[in-house]
Amino acid sequence: MRKEYRKVKKDATRRPDTVAETALPTSVLPGDPRYEDLALRRRNERFEHRPRRFQIVRTTEQVVTAVNDALRAGDRIAVRSGGHSMENSVGEARGGTVIDMCAMNAVYFDPERDAFVIEAGATLGDVYRQLYLNWGVTIPGGWGHTVCAGGHIQGGGYGGLSRRHGSTVDHLLAVEVVVVDEHGRARSVVASRDPQDPHHDLWWAHTGGGGGNFGVVTRYWMRTPGSVETPLPRPPATLLSGVLAWPWEGMTRQAFQALVRHHGEWHRKHSEPDSPYTALSSLFMLPGRAKRPDAMGLTLVGLVDGGLPNAQAMMSEFLDAIDPGGEAARALLPAQPWLYAMVPPVVDGEMQRIPEYDRYKGKAGYLRNPFTPAQVDTIYDYLVDPPAEIDLAGVWLNSYGGRVNAIDPAATAMAQRDSILKVVYTAAWPSPKDDEKNIDWLRRFYRDVYAETGGVPVPDGINDGSYINYPDTDLMDPEWNTSGVPWHYLYYKDNYPRLQRIKARWDPLNVFRHALSIRPATDER
């Protein structure tokens, strides 16, 4: 079976260079007509990306040149792949250099490493299309198909297939990183999961350490450990969907408590690595009660491998467990091809922005066990009457666990390895005049959900910290984190000291930094 990957046409087994490359990146300064397009290539209108210059890079050599140029100019450096960060890590380089990875977007097979290469600027949509249509394989990444691989993978990316196949970092064979030495000189390094590799610690740091910490990631090599037939997992041929929906009208506190409890209990029972239910994942959307009549109510969407002989029975059993009284509107939808479900076709091939959601704030947490009744009461109180200025306020409960939890917490930088759900708290709105009020509402919401642990999800029997790909600078603010537990423990737990040592080795001058970046071992902030 493995030979088939070497038989694919040549232009799919090497980087498809479409233009004659030079050693120089493309430099775009203010006044250049391209500058505004690059400044607007972001996903959160609360933040501005207006550096002294953008450097568009197409090769690793150009990244090395761009970093050295910025160092000589004394510029602060930020790296941008997709621009989806929930905090302003890219905008912090105002007056400096933003290295934009959008042109390093190839996906191809490397026969020498027997692995697939994904460049940092490739969107997840392109990754899924290229891997699946050329080779019939995939990575267990997220649903946001305009998110880029650069930040997603190194932060411990996850998605609907993670319960069955683990995190994206569980398939990371090697990573190429442009780093800066103690003399201020940039160079590229390839680090692999081979424990004998002298650069192995740099590989480990990119298995959940998060972006913007150690250097500029240019490309990943992906191969599943111990794979025999295919270097990466094959996705289901089809996905069978089941939907439950409840209107807010008539949703009592008791009914809300029951729904969230049933959902959490199902995941508590069915999130072991060897559970047959790892073939099923779901998203439970709890939007705030909106005033307009067409507003979405509480909605659960489940997805299961449509090729399983008991797929329909498994989905029906899941829906019954969440809604045992049959009170929700229910639909069991026909199976759809996997790629069609993952990357729905749109007119221009790109997900369009929704103006009402252009400004947003997000927070996150892991759950080891279902929310406590007190936490559910708090969620109900905030969602039943959210501020009118917020167009989308809500809590999203994402299925987790399964094969993610088969890995030892110290084996990768991603330390959360016994959780059952990943929780996202979000607020989105259109007007800048409402920024302060709406952010304050979400901060209070989050603080009150975790009131028993100092306003943040301190790891305990219920909670397990937060997710670095959903960065939240409030976790380092003593006004909102009164737990006495430092922000970095919430993200990395006991893995943080090792990350600090790696930071000191590979970025001794702390060139790559932002508000939530890894501090070198000598800096305990």
Protein backbone atom coordinates (compact mmCIF):
# COMPACT_ATOMS: atom_id res chain seq x y z
CA MET A 1 0.00 0.00 0.00
CA ARG A 2 2.81 2.45 0.83
CA LYS A 3 4.18 2.29 -2.74
CA GLU A 4 1.14 4.13 -4.06
CA TYR A 5 2.40 7.38 -2.54
CA ARG A 6 5.52 7.27 -4.69
CA LYS A 7 3.49 6.72 -7.85
CA VAL A 8 1.63 10.00 -7.58
CA LYS A 9 2.55 12.53 -10.27
CA LYS A 10 5.84 14.28 -9.61
CA ASP A 11 4.35 17.71 -8.95
CA ALA A 12 2.56 16.26 -5.90
CA THR A 13 5.74 14.81 -4.40
CA ARG A 14 7.77 17.99 -4.19
CA ARG A 15 7.19 21.63 -3.45
CA PRO A 16 5.36 23.07 -6.49
CA ASP A 17 7.50 26.13 -7.25
CA THR A 18 5.36 28.20 -9.59
CA VAL A 19 7.68 31.18 -9.94
CA ALA A 20 11.41 31.62 -10.20
CA GLU A 21 12.55 32.09 -6.62
CA THR A 22 15.12 34.60 -5.43
CA ALA A 23 16.88 34.90 -2.11
CA LEU A 24 14.82 37.96 -1.24
CA PRO A 25 11.34 38.05 0.27
CA THR A 26 8.80 40.56 -0.99
CA SER A 27 8.91 43.66 1.19
CA VAL A 28 5.73 45.76 1.45
CA LEU A 29 5.90 49.16 3.15
CA PRO A 30 3.21 51.74 3.96
CA GLY A 31 2.32 53.59 0.76
CA ASP A 32 2.56 50.42 -1.30
CA PRO A 33 -0.96 49.67 -2.63
CA ARG A 34 -0.59 46.12 -1.32
CA TYR A 35 -0.05 47.30 2.25
CA GLU A 36 -3.72 47.86 3.05
CA ASP A 37 -4.68 44.44 1.75
CA LEU A 38 -2.09 42.88 4.03
CA ALA A 39 -3.13 45.07 6.96
CA LEU A 40 -6.71 43.83 6.56
CA ARG A 41 -5.71 40.16 6.33
CA ARG A 42 -6.89 39.47 9.86
CA ARG A 43 -9.93 37.86 11.46
CA ASN A 44 -10.65 40.16 14.39
CA GLU A 45 -11.43 43.81 13.75
CA ARG A 46 -10.52 44.67 17.34
CA PHE A 47 -6.87 44.35 16.39
CA GLU A 48 -4.67 46.19 13.89
CA HIS A 49 -1.80 44.65 11.95
CA ARG A 50 0.16 47.74 10.86
CA PRO A 51 3.88 47.07 11.13
CA ARG A 52 6.71 49.09 9.66
CA ARG A 53 6.78 46.51 6.89
CA PHE A 54 5.39 43.17 5.81
CA GLN A 55 7.74 40.53 4.46
CA ILE A 56 6.04 38.00 2.15
CA VAL A 57 8.10 34.81 2.08
CA ARG A 58 7.94 31.85 -0.29
CA THR A 59 10.87 29.68 0.83
CA THR A 60 12.74 28.83 4.00
CA GLU A 61 15.75 30.76 2.69
CA GLN A 62 13.59 33.85 2.34
CA VAL A 63 12.41 33.46 5.93
CA VAL A 64 16.03 33.38 7.09
CA THR A 65 16.69 36.55 5.08
CA ALA A 66 13.58 38.28 6.45
CA VAL A 67 14.50 37.49 10.04
CA ASN A 68 18.10 38.68 9.59
CA ASP A 69 16.89 41.89 7.92
CA ALA A 70 14.52 42.59 10.79
CA LEU A 71 17.23 41.94 13.37
CA ARG A 72 19.64 44.31 11.63
CA ALA A 73 16.92 46.98 11.58
CA GLY A 74 16.19 46.45 15.26
CA ASP A 75 12.59 45.49 14.47
CA ARG A 76 10.24 43.57 16.70
CA ILE A 77 9.27 40.42 14.75
CA ALA A 78 5.82 38.84 14.52
CA VAL A 79 4.78 35.90 12.35
CA ARG A 80 1.40 35.56 10.65
CA SER A 81 -0.04 32.51 8.95
CA GLY A 82 -3.82 32.90 8.98
CA GLY A 83 -4.32 35.86 11.29
CA HIS A 84 -6.92 34.07 13.45
CA SER A 85 -5.35 34.65 16.86
CA MET A 86 -7.84 35.52 19.60
CA GLU A 87 -5.27 37.97 20.98
CA ASN A 88 -3.23 40.64 19.23
CA SER A 89 0.04 38.72 19.01
CA VAL A 90 0.66 39.90 15.43
CA GLY A 91 -0.35 43.50 16.11
CA GLU A 92 2.16 43.72 18.94
CA ALA A 93 4.83 44.20 16.26
CA ARG A 94 3.51 47.66 15.32
CA GLY A 95 6.55 49.55 14.12
CA GLY A 96 8.35 46.27 13.45
CA THR A 97 8.26 43.48 10.87
CA VAL A 98 5.46 41.01 10.23
CA ILE A 99 6.62 37.92 8.37
CA ASP A 100 3.58 36.77 6.41
CA MET A 101 3.54 33.08 5.52
CA CYS A 102 0.59 33.18 3.09
CA ALA A 103 2.74 32.28 0.05
CA MET A 104 4.31 29.24 1.74
CA ASN A 105 1.19 27.15 1.30
CA ALA A 106 2.22 23.91 -0.42
CA VAL A 107 1.10 20.41 0.60
CA TYR A 108 3.09 17.51 -0.88
CA PHE A 109 4.61 14.10 -0.20
CA ASP A 110 8.27 13.73 0.75
CA PRO A 111 9.41 10.22 -0.25
CA GLU A 112 12.71 10.57 1.60
CA ARG A 113 10.95 10.95 4.96
CA ASP A 114 7.94 8.90 3.85
CA ALA A 115 5.79 11.74 5.17
CA PHE A 116 3.53 14.54 4.03
CA VAL A 117 4.80 18.10 4.09
CA ILE A 118 2.47 20.92 5.08
CA GLU A 119 3.82 24.43 4.80
CA ALA A 120 2.86 26.96 7.46
CA GLY A 121 0.75 29.17 5.20
CA ALA A 122 -1.49 26.37 3.93
CA THR A 123 -5.10 26.74 5.06
CA LEU A 124 -6.75 23.73 6.65
CA GLY A 125 -9.18 23.68 3.73
CA ASP A 126 -6.28 23.31 1.30
CA VAL A 127 -4.63 20.72 3.54
CA TYR A 128 -7.77 18.58 3.61
CA ARG A 129 -8.33 18.90 -0.15
CA GLN A 130 -4.76 18.12 -1.11
CA LEU A 131 -4.24 15.23 1.29
CA TYR A 132 -7.60 13.63 0.60
CA LEU A 133 -7.96 14.13 -3.15
CA ASN A 134 -4.36 13.16 -3.93
CA TRP A 135 -3.79 10.40 -1.37
CA GLY A 136 -7.04 9.65 0.49
CA VAL A 137 -5.65 10.65 3.91
CA THR A 138 -6.02 13.54 6.34
CA ILE A 139 -4.95 15.03 9.67
CA PRO A 140 -7.37 15.37 12.63
CA GLY A 141 -7.56 19.14 12.41
CA GLY A 142 -10.29 21.71 13.00
CA TRP A 143 -13.37 22.86 11.12
CA GLY A 144 -12.18 26.41 10.40
CA HIS A 145 -10.97 25.87 6.87
CA THR A 146 -9.45 29.36 6.55
CA VAL A 147 -7.28 28.75 9.63
CA CYS A 148 -3.68 28.10 8.60
CA ALA A 149 -1.55 25.13 9.58
CA GLY A 150 1.27 27.28 10.96
CA GLY A 151 -0.33 28.08 14.30
CA HIS A 152 -2.96 25.35 14.36
CA ILE A 153 -0.62 22.36 14.41
CA GLN A 154 2.00 23.61 16.85
CA GLY A 155 -0.68 24.69 19.34
CA GLY A 156 -2.17 21.19 19.52
CA GLY A 157 -4.86 21.49 16.87
CA TYR A 158 -7.95 19.33 17.17
CA GLY A 159 -11.18 18.62 15.32
CA GLY A 160 -13.97 16.16 14.67
CA LEU A 161 -11.58 13.25 14.06
CA SER A 162 -9.48 13.83 17.18
CA ARG A 163 -11.51 11.45 19.32
CA ARG A 164 -10.58 8.72 16.86
CA HIS A 165 -7.08 9.80 15.80
CA GLY A 166 -5.75 12.15 18.47
CA SER A 167 -4.42 15.68 18.17
CA THR A 168 -2.60 16.99 15.10
CA VAL A 169 0.64 16.97 17.11
CA ASP A 170 0.30 13.22 17.65
CA HIS A 171 1.10 12.87 13.93
CA LEU A 172 3.99 15.35 13.81
CA LEU A 173 7.14 13.65 12.51
CA ALA A 174 9.35 16.72 12.08
CA VAL A 175 9.23 20.48 11.93
CA GLU A 176 11.45 23.05 10.21
CA VAL A 177 11.99 26.21 12.22
CA VAL A 178 14.00 29.36 11.54
CA VAL A 179 15.65 30.21 14.86
CA VAL A 180 18.02 32.95 16.06
CA ASP A 181 21.22 32.09 17.94
CA GLU A 182 22.94 33.98 20.76
CA HIS A 183 24.86 36.06 18.20
CA GLY A 184 21.67 37.31 16.56
CA ARG A 185 21.99 35.21 13.42
CA ALA A 186 19.07 33.33 11.89
CA ARG A 187 19.31 29.81 10.53
CA SER A 188 16.91 26.97 9.75
CA VAL A 189 16.76 23.78 11.79
CA VAL A 190 14.81 20.56 11.23
CA ALA A 191 13.78 18.85 14.45
CA SER A 192 12.20 15.40 14.60
CA ARG A 193 10.46 13.06 17.02
CA ASP A 194 13.44 10.69 16.91
CA PRO A 195 14.72 10.76 20.53
CA GLN A 196 18.30 10.51 19.18
CA ASP A 197 17.89 13.69 17.16
CA PRO A 198 20.04 16.42 18.80
CA HIS A 199 17.20 18.83 17.98
CA HIS A 200 14.51 16.60 19.47
CA ASP A 201 13.62 19.10 22.21
CA LEU A 202 12.71 21.70 19.58
CA TRP A 203 10.33 19.16 18.00
CA TRP A 204 8.76 18.51 21.41
CA ALA A 205 8.21 22.22 21.97
CA HIS A 206 6.12 22.33 18.79
CA THR A 207 3.81 19.56 19.97
CA GLY A 208 1.54 21.98 21.81
CA GLY A 209 3.82 24.85 22.84
CA GLY A 210 1.91 27.35 20.69
CA GLY A 211 2.98 29.82 18.04
CA GLY A 212 5.42 32.71 18.19
CA ASN A 213 7.67 31.20 20.85
CA PHE A 214 10.83 29.63 19.44
CA GLY A 215 11.17 30.78 15.84
CA VAL A 216 9.36 30.81 12.52
CA VAL A 217 7.82 27.48 11.58
CA THR A 218 8.12 27.03 7.82
CA ARG A 219 6.85 23.48 7.33
CA TYR A 220 5.76 20.30 9.06
CA TRP A 221 6.31 16.66 8.14
CA MET A 222 3.30 14.58 9.17
CA ARG A 223 3.32 10.81 9.67
CA THR A 224 1.41 8.72 12.17
CA PRO A 225 3.69 6.77 14.57
CA GLY A 226 3.66 3.08 13.77
CA SER A 227 1.67 3.55 10.58
CA VAL A 228 1.73 0.57 8.23
CA GLU A 229 -0.71 0.97 5.34
CA THR A 230 -0.84 4.76 5.04
CA PRO A 231 1.44 7.48 6.45
CA LEU A 232 -1.63 9.32 7.82
CA PRO A 233 -5.11 8.15 8.78
CA ARG A 234 -7.87 7.75 6.23
CA PRO A 235 -10.99 9.74 7.10
CA PRO A 236 -14.46 8.20 6.93
CA ALA A 237 -15.84 8.03 3.38
CA THR A 238 -19.02 9.67 4.66
CA LEU A 239 -20.32 11.43 7.76
CA LEU A 240 -23.81 10.82 9.12
CA SER A 241 -25.27 13.79 10.97
CA GLY A 242 -27.81 14.02 13.76
CA VAL A 243 -29.27 17.28 15.07
CA LEU A 244 -31.21 18.26 18.18
CA ALA A 245 -32.63 21.76 18.62
CA TRP A 246 -34.43 23.49 21.47
CA PRO A 247 -35.85 27.03 21.44
CA TRP A 248 -35.01 29.35 24.31
CA GLU A 249 -38.69 29.98 24.78
CA GLY A 250 -39.81 27.77 27.63
CA MET A 251 -36.26 26.66 28.48
CA THR A 252 -36.36 26.57 32.28
CA ARG A 253 -33.34 26.42 34.53
CA GLN A 254 -34.18 22.82 35.38
CA ALA A 255 -34.46 21.80 31.73
CA PHE A 256 -31.16 23.54 30.93
CA GLN A 257 -29.48 21.76 33.83
CA ALA A 258 -30.73 18.41 32.54
CA LEU A 259 -29.52 19.00 28.98
CA VAL A 260 -26.01 20.03 29.97
CA ARG A 261 -25.81 17.19 32.51
CA HIS A 262 -26.93 14.54 29.99
CA HIS A 263 -24.41 15.82 27.45
CA GLY A 264 -21.55 15.83 29.95
CA GLU A 265 -22.42 12.40 31.32
CA TRP A 266 -22.44 10.87 27.84
CA HIS A 267 -18.95 12.18 27.21
CA ARG A 268 -17.75 11.05 30.64
CA LYS A 269 -18.86 7.50 29.81
CA HIS A 270 -17.67 7.38 26.19
CA SER A 271 -14.33 9.20 25.98
CA GLU A 272 -11.86 6.43 26.78
CA PRO A 273 -9.23 5.85 24.05
CA ASP A 274 -10.62 2.42 23.15
CA SER A 275 -14.31 3.38 23.19
CA PRO A 276 -16.21 2.51 19.98
CA TYR A 277 -17.83 5.92 20.34
CA THR A 278 -14.62 7.67 19.35
CA ALA A 279 -16.14 7.38 15.86
CA LEU A 280 -18.71 9.97 16.99
CA SER A 281 -18.09 13.62 17.77
CA SER A 282 -20.36 16.56 18.40
CA LEU A 283 -20.65 20.28 18.90
CA PHE A 284 -23.22 21.51 21.43
CA MET A 285 -23.92 25.18 20.75
CA LEU A 286 -25.43 27.19 23.61
CA PRO A 287 -26.00 30.66 22.16
CA GLY A 288 -27.28 33.48 24.31
CA ARG A 289 -31.00 34.14 24.11
CA ALA A 290 -31.37 36.80 21.42
CA LYS A 291 -34.31 39.13 21.01
CA ARG A 292 -34.85 38.67 17.27
CA PRO A 293 -37.37 36.00 16.23
CA ASP A 294 -35.00 34.18 13.83
CA ALA A 295 -32.28 33.71 16.47
CA MET A 296 -30.79 30.25 16.88
CA GLY A 297 -31.73 28.25 19.94
CA LEU A 298 -29.72 25.54 21.66
CA THR A 299 -28.38 23.19 18.99
CA LEU A 300 -26.50 19.90 19.15
CA VAL A 301 -24.86 18.55 15.98
CA GLY A 302 -23.45 15.04 16.08
CA LEU A 303 -21.30 13.38 13.41
CA VAL A 304 -20.46 9.72 13.07
CA ASP A 305 -18.55 7.61 10.54
CA GLY A 306 -21.25 6.82 8.00
CA GLY A 307 -19.48 3.65 6.91
CA LEU A 308 -20.02 1.86 10.20
CA PRO A 309 -22.72 -0.82 9.97
CA ASN A 310 -24.33 0.56 13.14
CA ALA A 311 -23.86 4.25 12.33
CA GLN A 312 -27.54 5.16 12.45
CA ALA A 313 -28.12 3.17 15.63
CA MET A 314 -25.08 4.81 17.27
CA MET A 315 -26.29 8.28 16.35
CA SER A 316 -29.85 7.58 17.52
CA GLU A 317 -28.54 6.23 20.81
CA PHE A 318 -26.46 9.38 21.27
CA LEU A 319 -29.40 11.68 20.57
CA ASP A 320 -31.60 9.67 22.94
CA ALA A 321 -29.02 10.02 25.70
CA ILE A 322 -29.00 13.80 25.40
CA ASP A 323 -32.76 14.16 24.92
CA PRO A 324 -34.32 11.17 26.72
CA GLY A 325 -37.72 12.84 26.90
CA GLY A 326 -37.89 13.51 23.17
CA GLU A 327 -38.57 17.20 23.73
CA ALA A 328 -36.17 18.55 21.09
CA ALA A 329 -36.74 18.94 17.39
CA ARG A 330 -34.75 16.07 15.91
CA ALA A 331 -33.27 15.29 12.50
CA LEU A 332 -31.16 12.40 11.25
CA LEU A 333 -29.61 13.66 8.04
CA PRO A 334 -28.40 11.63 5.03
CA ALA A 335 -24.71 10.83 5.00
CA GLN A 336 -22.48 13.31 3.15
CA PRO A 337 -19.04 12.73 1.61
CA TRP A 338 -16.36 13.51 4.18
CA LEU A 339 -14.60 16.29 2.27
CA TYR A 340 -17.89 17.95 1.34
CA ALA A 341 -18.81 18.04 5.02
CA MET A 342 -15.39 19.33 6.14
CA VAL A 343 -14.93 22.01 3.48
CA PRO A 344 -18.39 22.99 2.17
CA PRO A 345 -18.17 24.52 -1.30
CA VAL A 346 -18.85 28.25 -1.47
CA VAL A 347 -19.00 30.56 -4.46
CA ASP A 348 -15.50 31.98 -4.25
CA GLY A 349 -13.83 29.17 -2.36
CA GLU A 350 -13.30 31.31 0.73
CA MET A 351 -15.44 31.68 3.82
CA GLN A 352 -16.75 35.22 3.88
CA ARG A 353 -16.68 37.42 6.93
CA ILE A 354 -19.93 38.12 8.71
CA PRO A 355 -19.88 41.84 9.62
CA GLU A 356 -21.90 41.29 12.80
CA TYR A 357 -19.14 39.00 14.10
CA ASP A 358 -16.09 41.05 13.01
CA ARG A 359 -15.15 42.01 16.57
CA TYR A 360 -14.90 39.24 19.11
CA LYS A 361 -13.39 37.98 22.32
CA GLY A 362 -12.90 34.32 23.18
CA LYS A 363 -11.99 32.23 26.20
CA ALA A 364 -11.62 28.50 26.74
CA GLY A 365 -11.37 25.66 29.19
CA TYR A 366 -11.01 21.89 29.34
CA LEU A 367 -13.43 19.65 31.22
CA ARG A 368 -12.32 16.41 32.84
CA ASN A 369 -15.85 15.78 34.08
CA PRO A 370 -19.23 17.45 33.51
CA PHE A 371 -19.80 20.97 34.78
CA THR A 372 -21.02 21.21 38.37
CA PRO A 373 -24.65 22.27 38.89
CA ALA A 374 -23.41 25.64 40.16
CA GLN A 375 -21.43 26.18 36.96
CA VAL A 376 -24.44 25.27 34.82
CA ASP A 377 -26.61 27.70 36.80
CA THR A 378 -24.09 30.46 36.09
CA ILE A 379 -24.03 29.64 32.38
CA TYR A 380 -27.84 29.74 32.30
CA ASP A 381 -27.98 33.09 34.10
CA TYR A 382 -25.60 34.73 31.63
CA LEU A 383 -27.06 33.21 28.47
CA VAL A 384 -30.71 33.75 29.26
CA ASP A 385 -30.27 37.53 29.08
CA PRO A 386 -27.07 38.58 27.28
CA PRO A 387 -26.38 42.22 26.36
CA ALA A 388 -28.35 43.41 23.35
CA GLU A 389 -25.15 44.80 21.78
CA ILE A 390 -23.66 41.31 21.40
CA ASP A 391 -24.83 39.64 18.19
CA LEU A 392 -23.44 36.25 19.13
CA ALA A 393 -22.84 35.32 22.75
CA GLY A 394 -22.46 31.73 23.72
CA VAL A 395 -20.74 28.63 24.99
CA TRP A 396 -19.65 25.89 22.59
CA LEU A 397 -19.03 22.40 23.98
CA ASN A 398 -16.71 20.44 21.67
CA SER A 399 -16.31 16.67 21.94
CA TYR A 400 -12.84 15.70 23.07
CA GLY A 401 -11.00 12.81 24.67
CA GLY A 402 -10.79 9.42 22.99
CA ARG A 403 -7.40 8.82 21.36
CA VAL A 404 -6.21 12.24 22.53
CA ASN A 405 -6.18 10.73 26.01
CA ALA A 406 -4.03 7.74 24.98
CA ILE A 407 -0.85 9.86 25.10
CA ASP A 408 1.16 10.55 28.25
CA PRO A 409 0.96 14.26 29.23
CA ALA A 410 4.75 14.55 29.20
CA ALA A 411 5.14 12.96 25.76
CA THR A 412 4.12 16.22 24.07
CA ALA A 413 4.01 19.83 25.18
CA MET A 414 0.21 19.61 25.15
CA ALA A 415 -0.42 18.53 28.74
CA GLN A 416 -4.23 18.08 28.79
CA ARG A 417 -4.58 14.35 28.15
CA ASP A 418 -7.56 13.22 30.22
CA SER A 419 -10.29 15.71 29.27
CA ILE A 420 -13.68 14.87 27.77
CA LEU A 421 -14.81 18.27 26.44
CA LYS A 422 -13.23 21.47 25.22
CA VAL A 423 -15.28 24.57 26.09
CA VAL A 424 -15.24 27.86 24.19
CA TYR A 425 -16.81 31.06 25.52
CA THR A 426 -17.37 33.72 22.91
CA ALA A 427 -18.89 37.11 22.26
CA ALA A 428 -19.03 38.85 18.86
CA TRP A 429 -20.39 42.23 17.86
CA PRO A 430 -20.10 44.78 15.02
CA SER A 431 -19.44 48.16 16.67
CA PRO A 432 -16.16 49.37 18.24
CA LYS A 433 -18.12 51.58 20.65
CA ASP A 434 -19.31 48.42 22.40
CA ASP A 435 -15.87 46.84 22.84
CA GLU A 436 -15.33 47.67 26.50
CA LYS A 437 -18.85 46.76 27.61
CA ASN A 438 -18.96 43.45 25.75
CA ILE A 439 -15.49 42.33 26.75
CA ASP A 440 -16.33 43.10 30.36
CA TRP A 441 -19.48 40.97 30.10
CA LEU A 442 -17.53 37.97 28.81
CA ARG A 443 -14.85 38.43 31.45
CA ARG A 444 -17.43 38.41 34.23
CA PHE A 445 -19.19 35.41 32.67
CA TYR A 446 -15.98 33.37 32.60
CA ARG A 447 -14.91 34.51 36.08
CA ASP A 448 -18.25 33.49 37.58
CA VAL A 449 -18.31 30.06 35.89
CA TYR A 450 -14.97 29.36 37.62
CA ALA A 451 -15.77 31.26 40.83
CA GLU A 452 -14.76 28.31 43.03
CA THR A 453 -11.25 28.25 41.52
CA GLY A 454 -10.37 31.94 41.44
CA GLY A 455 -12.09 32.88 38.20
CA VAL A 456 -10.09 30.54 35.94
CA PRO A 457 -10.21 26.78 35.13
CA VAL A 458 -7.58 25.61 37.59
CA PRO A 459 -6.89 21.89 37.03
CA ASP A 460 -8.91 19.83 39.51
CA GLY A 461 -11.47 17.06 39.32
CA ILE A 462 -13.68 19.07 36.94
CA ASN A 463 -11.47 21.52 35.05
CA ASP A 464 -8.10 21.12 33.35
CA GLY A 465 -6.81 24.54 32.41
CA SER A 466 -7.08 26.19 29.01
CA TYR A 467 -5.98 25.82 25.38
CA ILE A 468 -3.08 27.88 24.03
CA ASN A 469 -4.59 28.08 20.52
CA TYR A 470 -7.38 30.12 22.15
CA PRO A 471 -5.06 32.58 23.93
CA ASP A 472 -6.52 34.83 26.60
CA THR A 473 -4.33 37.50 28.23
CA ASP A 474 -6.86 37.85 31.07
CA LEU A 475 -5.40 34.66 32.54
CA MET A 476 -2.27 36.62 33.46
CA ASP A 477 -4.24 39.57 34.89
CA PRO A 478 -4.64 39.37 38.72
CA GLU A 479 -7.93 41.25 38.40
CA TRP A 480 -9.46 38.29 36.56
CA ASN A 481 -7.25 35.46 37.80
CA THR A 482 -7.36 35.47 41.59
CA SER A 483 -6.48 31.79 41.94
CA GLY A 484 -2.80 32.27 42.65
CA VAL A 485 -2.13 29.81 39.82
CA PRO A 486 0.06 31.39 37.09
CA TRP A 487 -1.24 31.68 33.55
CA HIS A 488 1.36 29.30 32.17
CA TYR A 489 0.25 26.46 34.45
CA LEU A 490 -3.28 26.80 33.08
CA TYR A 491 -1.95 26.25 29.55
CA TYR A 492 1.02 23.91 30.05
CA LYS A 493 0.81 22.54 33.59
CA ASP A 494 3.99 20.64 34.52
CA ASN A 495 5.42 20.93 31.00
CA TYR A 496 6.18 24.63 31.35
CA PRO A 497 9.67 24.36 32.94
CA ARG A 498 10.84 22.16 30.06
CA LEU A 499 9.41 24.66 27.56
CA GLN A 500 11.34 27.42 29.35
CA ARG A 501 14.60 25.48 29.05
CA ILE A 502 13.96 24.91 25.34
CA LYS A 503 13.18 28.60 24.91
CA ALA A 504 16.49 29.53 26.52
CA ARG A 505 18.36 27.17 24.20
CA TRP A 506 16.70 27.99 20.90
CA ASP A 507 15.71 31.65 21.36
CA PRO A 508 18.31 32.92 23.83
CA LEU A 509 17.73 36.57 22.83
CA ASN A 510 13.95 36.23 23.24
CA VAL A 511 13.42 37.47 19.69
CA PHE A 512 10.10 35.69 19.29
CA ARG A 513 7.76 36.95 21.95
CA HIS A 514 4.27 38.20 22.64
CA ALA A 515 2.07 38.70 25.69
CA LEU A 516 1.57 34.96 26.29
CA SER A 517 4.85 33.64 24.93
CA ILE A 518 7.07 31.19 26.79
CA ARG A 519 9.45 33.05 29.12
CA PRO A 520 13.09 31.89 29.06
CA ALA A 521 14.19 29.81 32.04
CA THR A 522 15.75 32.87 33.68
CA ASP A 523 12.50 34.87 33.44
CA GLU A 524 9.85 33.57 35.85
CA ARG A 525 7.09 36.08 35.03
